[in-house]
Amino acid sequence: MPEKTQTPPRDFTAVIDRLHAEFADVHQQATVARCVDAARHGALEVTGKATPDLVERIARQHLQVLALAFAERR
């Protein structure tokens, strides 16, 4: 089984940076990176490709849901 790394693929660094700036008041960069990685894997599994724009849209939805869940817990 391949070893999982903390470094995202280079294509998605800009996606992580944009989403981290958008959600900086709610999520840490590590959380954003994990959501981007999960979105990338999900897109690959479902569609067979993971373009940066598709991954960004999926990850943004995940981060929005997480933000709502955190807000409800407070």
Protein backbone atom coordinates (compact mmCIF):
# COMPACT_ATOMS: atom_id res chain seq x y z
CA MET A 1 0.00 0.00 0.00
CA PRO A 2 1.45 3.43 -0.92
CA GLU A 3 2.45 5.73 1.89
CA LYS A 4 0.27 8.82 2.28
CA THR A 5 2.15 12.11 2.40
CA GLN A 6 1.19 15.51 3.78
CA THR A 7 2.38 17.30 0.64
CA PRO A 8 -0.41 17.93 -1.88
CA PRO A 9 0.25 17.53 -5.59
CA ARG A 10 1.68 20.74 -7.08
CA ASP A 11 -1.42 21.29 -9.22
CA PHE A 12 -3.50 21.80 -6.09
CA THR A 13 -1.27 24.14 -4.08
CA ALA A 14 -3.05 27.18 -5.54
CA VAL A 15 -6.42 25.61 -4.71
CA ILE A 16 -5.35 25.11 -1.10
CA ASP A 17 -4.06 28.68 -0.91
CA ARG A 18 -7.31 30.16 -2.28
CA LEU A 19 -9.54 28.07 -0.03
CA HIS A 20 -7.39 28.72 3.01
CA ALA A 21 -7.67 32.47 2.39
CA GLU A 22 -11.44 32.11 2.00
CA PHE A 23 -11.88 30.02 5.17
CA ALA A 24 -8.99 31.36 7.26
CA ASP A 25 -11.31 32.49 10.05
CA VAL A 26 -12.83 29.01 10.34
CA HIS A 27 -10.37 26.31 9.23
CA GLN A 28 -6.66 25.73 9.63
CA GLN A 29 -4.58 25.17 6.51
CA ALA A 30 -4.16 21.48 7.40
CA THR A 31 -7.95 21.04 7.38
CA VAL A 32 -8.20 22.77 4.01
CA ALA A 33 -5.42 20.57 2.61
CA ARG A 34 -7.18 17.42 3.83
CA CYS A 35 -10.47 18.53 2.24
CA VAL A 36 -8.71 19.24 -1.05
CA ASP A 37 -7.03 15.83 -0.94
CA ALA A 38 -10.35 14.12 -0.17
CA ALA A 39 -12.07 16.05 -2.96
CA ARG A 40 -9.30 15.05 -5.38
CA HIS A 41 -9.61 11.39 -4.49
CA GLY A 42 -13.41 11.52 -4.71
CA ALA A 43 -13.35 13.22 -8.10
CA LEU A 44 -10.88 10.65 -9.42
CA GLU A 45 -13.02 7.81 -8.13
CA VAL A 46 -16.29 9.14 -9.54
CA THR A 47 -15.26 10.81 -12.80
CA GLY A 48 -11.81 9.37 -13.50
CA LYS A 49 -10.22 12.83 -13.47
CA ALA A 50 -9.58 15.55 -10.94
CA THR A 51 -9.16 18.95 -12.50
CA PRO A 52 -8.22 21.78 -10.14
CA ASP A 53 -11.52 23.62 -10.74
CA LEU A 54 -13.62 20.54 -9.96
CA VAL A 55 -11.57 19.73 -6.88
CA GLU A 56 -11.87 23.33 -5.67
CA ARG A 57 -15.67 23.30 -6.02
CA ILE A 58 -15.99 20.00 -4.15
CA ALA A 59 -13.57 21.02 -1.41
CA ARG A 60 -15.34 24.38 -0.98
CA GLN A 61 -18.64 22.57 -0.40
CA HIS A 62 -17.01 20.29 2.16
CA LEU A 63 -15.48 23.26 3.97
CA GLN A 64 -18.80 25.11 4.00
CA VAL A 65 -20.55 22.10 5.55
CA LEU A 66 -17.80 21.77 8.16
CA ALA A 67 -18.10 25.47 8.97
CA LEU A 68 -21.85 25.10 9.47
CA ALA A 69 -21.35 22.09 11.71
CA PHE A 70 -18.79 23.99 13.82
CA ALA A 71 -21.16 26.96 14.09
CA GLU A 72 -23.99 24.74 15.33
CA ARG A 73 -21.76 23.25 18.03
CA ARG A 74 -21.06 26.70 19.49
